[in-house]
Amino acid sequence: MEISSHKSRIMAVQKGILIVLEGIDGAGKSTQAEILMNRLHERGYDVVYFREPSEGKWGQEIKKKAADPDSLSPEEELDLFLKDRKENVEKNLRPALEKKKIVILDRYYFSTIAYQGAKGIDQKRIRRVNEEFVVEPDLVFFLDVDPREGLDRIKNRKKKDRLFERAEYLVKVREIFRSFRGERFIHIDSSKPKKEISAEIERIVLNYLIGVRL
């Protein structure tokens, strides 16, 4: 799925920018991605939004399998996510970045490292396989929330995706997310008020964009 925002006065950037939001379900990724897209749009930036799993063939297959938590082995899950990501990168991410758009992505290969890694697959192998074809992001926001709080936030959703949302399992997933460190990785306490989180993300992104504007 792509959501595109643009207006007559475009704030040009020197290159395409990839901004990723990560975290367990219930952390508020999708909400903050939408807020960020709207804020950048209001400032005149050309912004598109994508998510994983994608709306493509393999993404749809992942969503179908999610209804039955025991239908896939960890390796089969990994294979589907790799196929979906390759398609998403080639059909959506690269073309948008080549047009010097700002791409906001809800989940990326860090989720695969965390979720499949928590099921016992070697994290270094997952990372190595992904790095063979992905576009590396410029900024990665990890929205950190206690798994119990995250699950409580999503318990009333009409469609409950239980494949990846078991509480004890999410504790392991969260720990892997929290292990990512580096200049481009920003960890944010997602238990804070929504407006406070969005203001922090916007401030960091705008400061980054100052250095890449034309």
C-alpha atoms as a PDB file:
ATOM      1  CA  MET A   1       0.000   0.000   0.000  1.00  0.00           C
ATOM      2  CA  GLU A   2       1.238   3.474  -0.864  1.00  0.00           C
ATOM      3  CA  ILE A   3      -0.119   6.687   0.521  1.00  0.00           C
ATOM      4  CA  SER A   4       1.312   9.710  -1.223  1.00  0.00           C
ATOM      5  CA  SER A   5       1.243  13.307  -0.068  1.00  0.00           C
ATOM      6  CA  HIS A   6       2.364  16.280  -2.097  1.00  0.00           C
ATOM      7  CA  LYS A   7       1.529  19.905  -2.593  1.00  0.00           C
ATOM      8  CA  SER A   8       2.400  22.587  -5.123  1.00  0.00           C
ATOM      9  CA  ARG A   9       5.418  23.880  -3.193  1.00  0.00           C
ATOM     10  CA  ILE A  10       7.808  20.964  -2.769  1.00  0.00           C
ATOM     11  CA  MET A  11      10.726  21.093  -0.350  1.00  0.00           C
ATOM     12  CA  ALA A  12      13.426  19.410  -2.438  1.00  0.00           C
ATOM     13  CA  VAL A  13      15.989  17.052  -0.944  1.00  0.00           C
ATOM     14  CA  GLN A  14      19.318  15.933  -2.382  1.00  0.00           C
ATOM     15  CA  LYS A  15      18.408  12.249  -2.299  1.00  0.00           C
ATOM     16  CA  GLY A  16      15.617   9.898  -1.371  1.00  0.00           C
ATOM     17  CA  ILE A  17      15.213   9.446   2.361  1.00  0.00           C
ATOM     18  CA  LEU A  18      14.067   6.206   3.991  1.00  0.00           C
ATOM     19  CA  ILE A  19      12.592   6.493   7.479  1.00  0.00           C
ATOM     20  CA  VAL A  20      11.577   3.283   9.259  1.00  0.00           C
ATOM     21  CA  LEU A  21       9.342   2.836  12.295  1.00  0.00           C
ATOM     22  CA  GLU A  22       9.776  -0.394  14.242  1.00  0.00           C
ATOM     23  CA  GLY A  23       8.463  -2.037  17.390  1.00  0.00           C
ATOM     24  CA  ILE A  24       6.084  -4.733  18.560  1.00  0.00           C
ATOM     25  CA  ASP A  25       2.408  -4.479  17.644  1.00  0.00           C
ATOM     26  CA  GLY A  26       0.669  -2.028  19.913  1.00  0.00           C
ATOM     27  CA  ALA A  27       3.713   0.240  20.063  1.00  0.00           C
ATOM     28  CA  GLY A  28       2.000   2.870  17.907  1.00  0.00           C
ATOM     29  CA  LYS A  29       4.074   2.584  14.725  1.00  0.00           C
ATOM     30  CA  SER A  30       1.273   3.047  12.229  1.00  0.00           C
ATOM     31  CA  THR A  31      -0.211   5.969  14.134  1.00  0.00           C
ATOM     32  CA  GLN A  32       3.120   7.764  14.334  1.00  0.00           C
ATOM     33  CA  ALA A  33       3.912   6.997  10.679  1.00  0.00           C
ATOM     34  CA  GLU A  34       0.673   8.668   9.614  1.00  0.00           C
ATOM     35  CA  ILE A  35       1.285  11.679  11.851  1.00  0.00           C
ATOM     36  CA  LEU A  36       4.828  12.079  10.523  1.00  0.00           C
ATOM     37  CA  MET A  37       3.677  11.822   6.916  1.00  0.00           C
ATOM     38  CA  ASN A  38       1.056  14.504   7.470  1.00  0.00           C
ATOM     39  CA  ARG A  39       3.482  16.812   9.256  1.00  0.00           C
ATOM     40  CA  LEU A  40       6.075  16.534   6.486  1.00  0.00           C
ATOM     41  CA  HIS A  41       3.375  17.015   3.867  1.00  0.00           C
ATOM     42  CA  GLU A  42       2.293  20.219   5.600  1.00  0.00           C
ATOM     43  CA  ARG A  43       5.875  21.462   5.377  1.00  0.00           C
ATOM     44  CA  GLY A  44       5.985  20.821   1.634  1.00  0.00           C
ATOM     45  CA  TYR A  45       7.911  17.549   1.442  1.00  0.00           C
ATOM     46  CA  ASP A  46       7.072  14.827  -1.083  1.00  0.00           C
ATOM     47  CA  VAL A  47       6.242  11.841   1.112  1.00  0.00           C
ATOM     48  CA  VAL A  48       5.060   8.271   0.503  1.00  0.00           C
ATOM     49  CA  TYR A  49       4.148   5.559   2.991  1.00  0.00           C
ATOM     50  CA  PHE A  50       4.570   1.786   2.743  1.00  0.00           C
ATOM     51  CA  ARG A  51       4.283  -1.040   5.215  1.00  0.00           C
ATOM     52  CA  GLU A  52       5.335  -4.641   5.748  1.00  0.00           C
ATOM     53  CA  PRO A  53       3.829  -7.081   5.122  1.00  0.00           C
ATOM     54  CA  SER A  54       3.082  -5.342   1.853  1.00  0.00           C
ATOM     55  CA  GLU A  55      -0.065  -5.434  -0.253  1.00  0.00           C
ATOM     56  CA  GLY A  56       1.718  -7.592  -2.826  1.00  0.00           C
ATOM     57  CA  LYS A  57       1.413 -11.319  -3.528  1.00  0.00           C
ATOM     58  CA  TRP A  58       3.702 -12.474  -0.743  1.00  0.00           C
ATOM     59  CA  GLY A  59       2.406  -9.944   1.741  1.00  0.00           C
ATOM     60  CA  GLN A  60      -1.114 -11.240   1.192  1.00  0.00           C
ATOM     61  CA  GLU A  61       0.125 -14.787   1.711  1.00  0.00           C
ATOM     62  CA  ILE A  62       1.674 -13.783   5.044  1.00  0.00           C
ATOM     63  CA  LYS A  63      -1.601 -12.242   6.185  1.00  0.00           C
ATOM     64  CA  LYS A  64      -3.528 -15.392   5.247  1.00  0.00           C
ATOM     65  CA  LYS A  65      -1.125 -17.590   7.194  1.00  0.00           C
ATOM     66  CA  ALA A  66      -1.375 -15.291  10.218  1.00  0.00           C
ATOM     67  CA  ALA A  67      -4.847 -16.692  10.925  1.00  0.00           C
ATOM     68  CA  ASP A  68      -3.242 -20.043  11.849  1.00  0.00           C
ATOM     69  CA  PRO A  69      -0.243 -19.552  14.173  1.00  0.00           C
ATOM     70  CA  ASP A  70       0.976 -23.120  13.716  1.00  0.00           C
ATOM     71  CA  SER A  71       0.802 -23.284   9.919  1.00  0.00           C
ATOM     72  CA  LEU A  72       4.362 -22.055   9.339  1.00  0.00           C
ATOM     73  CA  SER A  73       7.750 -22.999  10.723  1.00  0.00           C
ATOM     74  CA  PRO A  74      10.154 -20.146  11.587  1.00  0.00           C
ATOM     75  CA  GLU A  75      12.115 -20.881   8.410  1.00  0.00           C
ATOM     76  CA  GLU A  76       8.951 -20.784   6.297  1.00  0.00           C
ATOM     77  CA  GLU A  77       8.011 -17.470   7.898  1.00  0.00           C
ATOM     78  CA  LEU A  78      11.452 -16.118   7.101  1.00  0.00           C
ATOM     79  CA  ASP A  79      11.188 -17.247   3.486  1.00  0.00           C
ATOM     80  CA  LEU A  80       7.839 -15.493   3.011  1.00  0.00           C
ATOM     81  CA  PHE A  81       9.057 -12.267   4.569  1.00  0.00           C
ATOM     82  CA  LEU A  82      12.170 -12.273   2.393  1.00  0.00           C
ATOM     83  CA  LYS A  83      10.094 -12.764  -0.762  1.00  0.00           C
ATOM     84  CA  ASP A  84       7.691 -10.010   0.262  1.00  0.00           C
ATOM     85  CA  ARG A  85      10.502  -7.619   1.127  1.00  0.00           C
ATOM     86  CA  LYS A  86      12.361  -8.193  -2.132  1.00  0.00           C
ATOM     87  CA  GLU A  87       9.183  -7.393  -4.044  1.00  0.00           C
ATOM     88  CA  ASN A  88       8.488  -4.324  -1.908  1.00  0.00           C
ATOM     89  CA  VAL A  89      12.029  -2.998  -2.306  1.00  0.00           C
ATOM     90  CA  GLU A  90      12.060  -3.366  -6.081  1.00  0.00           C
ATOM     91  CA  LYS A  91       8.495  -2.267  -6.847  1.00  0.00           C
ATOM     92  CA  ASN A  92       8.026   0.433  -4.241  1.00  0.00           C
ATOM     93  CA  LEU A  93      11.017   1.564  -2.203  1.00  0.00           C
ATOM     94  CA  ARG A  94      13.728   1.924  -4.848  1.00  0.00           C
ATOM     95  CA  PRO A  95      11.508   3.730  -7.398  1.00  0.00           C
ATOM     96  CA  ALA A  96      10.291   6.211  -4.776  1.00  0.00           C
ATOM     97  CA  LEU A  97      13.786   6.860  -3.453  1.00  0.00           C
ATOM     98  CA  GLU A  98      15.151   7.313  -6.977  1.00  0.00           C
ATOM     99  CA  LYS A  99      12.560  10.086  -7.394  1.00  0.00           C
ATOM    100  CA  LYS A 100      14.012  11.724  -4.264  1.00  0.00           C
ATOM    101  CA  LYS A 101      10.909  11.164  -2.202  1.00  0.00           C
ATOM    102  CA  ILE A 102      10.813  10.740   1.549  1.00  0.00           C
ATOM    103  CA  VAL A 103       9.681   7.173   2.210  1.00  0.00           C
ATOM    104  CA  ILE A 104       8.096   6.302   5.542  1.00  0.00           C
ATOM    105  CA  LEU A 105       8.093   2.549   6.132  1.00  0.00           C
ATOM    106  CA  ASP A 106       6.085   0.750   8.814  1.00  0.00           C
ATOM    107  CA  ARG A 107       8.344  -2.250   9.659  1.00  0.00           C
ATOM    108  CA  TYR A 108      11.425  -3.419   7.790  1.00  0.00           C
ATOM    109  CA  TYR A 109      14.033  -6.139   8.064  1.00  0.00           C
ATOM    110  CA  PHE A 110      14.739  -5.290  11.696  1.00  0.00           C
ATOM    111  CA  SER A 111      11.332  -6.802  12.461  1.00  0.00           C
ATOM    112  CA  THR A 112      12.410 -10.020  10.767  1.00  0.00           C
ATOM    113  CA  ILE A 113      15.606 -10.122  12.808  1.00  0.00           C
ATOM    114  CA  ALA A 114      13.588  -9.583  15.986  1.00  0.00           C
ATOM    115  CA  TYR A 115      10.560 -11.782  15.336  1.00  0.00           C
ATOM    116  CA  GLN A 116      12.220 -14.721  13.604  1.00  0.00           C
ATOM    117  CA  GLY A 117      15.341 -14.313  15.725  1.00  0.00           C
ATOM    118  CA  ALA A 118      13.185 -14.704  18.835  1.00  0.00           C
ATOM    119  CA  LYS A 119      12.070 -18.049  17.403  1.00  0.00           C
ATOM    120  CA  GLY A 120      15.626 -19.320  17.250  1.00  0.00           C
ATOM    121  CA  ILE A 121      16.861 -18.420  13.767  1.00  0.00           C
ATOM    122  CA  ASP A 122      20.379 -16.995  13.795  1.00  0.00           C
ATOM    123  CA  GLN A 123      20.080 -13.211  13.845  1.00  0.00           C
ATOM    124  CA  LYS A 124      23.339 -12.654  12.002  1.00  0.00           C
ATOM    125  CA  ARG A 125      22.171 -14.907   9.171  1.00  0.00           C
ATOM    126  CA  ILE A 126      18.853 -13.066   8.903  1.00  0.00           C
ATOM    127  CA  ARG A 127      20.670  -9.754   8.747  1.00  0.00           C
ATOM    128  CA  ARG A 128      23.204 -10.976   6.199  1.00  0.00           C
ATOM    129  CA  VAL A 129      20.538 -12.344   3.840  1.00  0.00           C
ATOM    130  CA  ASN A 130      18.526  -9.122   4.022  1.00  0.00           C
ATOM    131  CA  GLU A 131      21.519  -6.864   3.511  1.00  0.00           C
ATOM    132  CA  GLU A 132      22.135  -8.541   0.157  1.00  0.00           C
ATOM    133  CA  PHE A 133      19.169  -6.706  -1.385  1.00  0.00           C
ATOM    134  CA  VAL A 134      17.630  -4.087   0.916  1.00  0.00           C
ATOM    135  CA  VAL A 135      17.987  -0.320   0.759  1.00  0.00           C
ATOM    136  CA  GLU A 136      19.519   0.777   4.037  1.00  0.00           C
ATOM    137  CA  PRO A 137      17.386   3.301   5.954  1.00  0.00           C
ATOM    138  CA  ASP A 138      18.550   6.761   6.952  1.00  0.00           C
ATOM    139  CA  LEU A 139      16.666   6.784  10.256  1.00  0.00           C
ATOM    140  CA  VAL A 140      15.109   3.968  12.269  1.00  0.00           C
ATOM    141  CA  PHE A 141      12.736   4.747  15.128  1.00  0.00           C
ATOM    142  CA  PHE A 142      12.142   1.942  17.612  1.00  0.00           C
ATOM    143  CA  LEU A 143       8.951   2.592  19.551  1.00  0.00           C
ATOM    144  CA  ASP A 144       9.498   0.721  22.789  1.00  0.00           C
ATOM    145  CA  VAL A 145       6.561  -0.499  24.864  1.00  0.00           C
ATOM    146  CA  ASP A 146       6.074  -3.214  27.457  1.00  0.00           C
ATOM    147  CA  PRO A 147       4.540  -6.247  25.683  1.00  0.00           C
ATOM    148  CA  ARG A 148       1.638  -6.378  28.142  1.00  0.00           C
ATOM    149  CA  GLU A 149       0.771  -2.768  27.415  1.00  0.00           C
ATOM    150  CA  GLY A 150       1.148  -3.309  23.680  1.00  0.00           C
ATOM    151  CA  LEU A 151      -1.178  -6.311  23.731  1.00  0.00           C
ATOM    152  CA  ASP A 152      -3.670  -4.415  25.859  1.00  0.00           C
ATOM    153  CA  ARG A 153      -3.745  -1.659  23.230  1.00  0.00           C
ATOM    154  CA  ILE A 154      -4.654  -4.053  20.435  1.00  0.00           C
ATOM    155  CA  LYS A 155      -6.961  -6.470  22.264  1.00  0.00           C
ATOM    156  CA  ASN A 156     -10.086  -4.732  20.999  1.00  0.00           C
ATOM    157  CA  ARG A 157      -9.116  -4.741  17.337  1.00  0.00           C
ATOM    158  CA  LYS A 158     -11.700  -6.474  15.162  1.00  0.00           C
ATOM    159  CA  LYS A 159      -9.060  -8.628  13.533  1.00  0.00           C
ATOM    160  CA  LYS A 160      -6.546 -10.069  15.970  1.00  0.00           C
ATOM    161  CA  ASP A 161      -3.337 -11.244  14.329  1.00  0.00           C
ATOM    162  CA  ARG A 162      -2.099 -13.823  16.842  1.00  0.00           C
ATOM    163  CA  LEU A 163       0.767 -15.212  14.803  1.00  0.00           C
ATOM    164  CA  PHE A 164       3.384 -12.920  16.315  1.00  0.00           C
ATOM    165  CA  GLU A 165       1.632 -11.519  19.369  1.00  0.00           C
ATOM    166  CA  ARG A 166       2.137 -13.949  22.215  1.00  0.00           C
ATOM    167  CA  ALA A 167       3.192 -12.076  25.340  1.00  0.00           C
ATOM    168  CA  GLU A 168       6.145 -14.224  26.417  1.00  0.00           C
ATOM    169  CA  TYR A 169       7.407 -14.342  22.869  1.00  0.00           C
ATOM    170  CA  LEU A 170       7.144 -10.564  22.552  1.00  0.00           C
ATOM    171  CA  VAL A 171       9.404 -10.139  25.557  1.00  0.00           C
ATOM    172  CA  LYS A 172      12.163 -11.800  23.502  1.00  0.00           C
ATOM    173  CA  VAL A 173      11.267  -9.748  20.424  1.00  0.00           C
ATOM    174  CA  ARG A 174      11.459  -6.535  22.425  1.00  0.00           C
ATOM    175  CA  GLU A 175      14.899  -7.398  23.783  1.00  0.00           C
ATOM    176  CA  ILE A 176      16.227  -7.897  20.261  1.00  0.00           C
ATOM    177  CA  PHE A 177      14.752  -4.570  19.150  1.00  0.00           C
ATOM    178  CA  ARG A 178      16.415  -2.902  22.128  1.00  0.00           C
ATOM    179  CA  SER A 179      19.801  -4.351  21.128  1.00  0.00           C
ATOM    180  CA  PHE A 180      20.014  -2.286  17.927  1.00  0.00           C
ATOM    181  CA  ARG A 181      22.403   0.597  18.484  1.00  0.00           C
ATOM    182  CA  GLY A 182      24.028   3.197  16.277  1.00  0.00           C
ATOM    183  CA  GLU A 183      23.695   6.763  15.072  1.00  0.00           C
ATOM    184  CA  ARG A 184      20.687   6.064  12.840  1.00  0.00           C
ATOM    185  CA  PHE A 185      18.792   4.100  15.505  1.00  0.00           C
ATOM    186  CA  ILE A 186      16.533   6.120  17.807  1.00  0.00           C
ATOM    187  CA  HIS A 187      14.755   4.414  20.702  1.00  0.00           C
ATOM    188  CA  ILE A 188      11.611   6.140  21.936  1.00  0.00           C
ATOM    189  CA  ASP A 189       9.526   5.343  25.002  1.00  0.00           C
ATOM    190  CA  SER A 190       6.135   4.578  23.478  1.00  0.00           C
ATOM    191  CA  SER A 191       4.353   4.731  26.820  1.00  0.00           C
ATOM    192  CA  LYS A 192       4.567   8.529  26.642  1.00  0.00           C
ATOM    193  CA  PRO A 193       1.631  10.613  25.361  1.00  0.00           C
ATOM    194  CA  LYS A 194       1.045  10.342  21.619  1.00  0.00           C
ATOM    195  CA  LYS A 195       1.620  14.062  21.003  1.00  0.00           C
ATOM    196  CA  GLU A 196       4.912  13.985  22.882  1.00  0.00           C
ATOM    197  CA  ILE A 197       6.128  11.038  20.820  1.00  0.00           C
ATOM    198  CA  SER A 198       5.128  12.618  17.503  1.00  0.00           C
ATOM    199  CA  ALA A 199       6.807  15.901  18.447  1.00  0.00           C
ATOM    200  CA  GLU A 200      10.040  14.075  19.283  1.00  0.00           C
ATOM    201  CA  ILE A 201      10.019  12.117  16.021  1.00  0.00           C
ATOM    202  CA  GLU A 202       9.241  15.229  13.981  1.00  0.00           C
ATOM    203  CA  ARG A 203      12.045  17.196  15.636  1.00  0.00           C
ATOM    204  CA  ILE A 204      14.618  14.489  14.903  1.00  0.00           C
ATOM    205  CA  VAL A 205      13.480  14.068  11.296  1.00  0.00           C
ATOM    206  CA  LEU A 206      13.453  17.810  10.579  1.00  0.00           C
ATOM    207  CA  ASN A 207      16.938  18.193  12.026  1.00  0.00           C
ATOM    208  CA  TYR A 208      18.109  15.392   9.747  1.00  0.00           C
ATOM    209  CA  LEU A 209      16.450  16.921   6.687  1.00  0.00           C
ATOM    210  CA  ILE A 210      18.250  20.227   7.233  1.00  0.00           C
ATOM    211  CA  GLY A 211      21.424  18.507   6.085  1.00  0.00           C
ATOM    212  CA  VAL A 212      19.966  17.025   2.900  1.00  0.00           C
ATOM    213  CA  ARG A 213      17.760  19.833   1.594  1.00  0.00           C
ATOM    214  CA  LEU A 214      18.674  21.544  -1.671  1.00  0.00           C
END
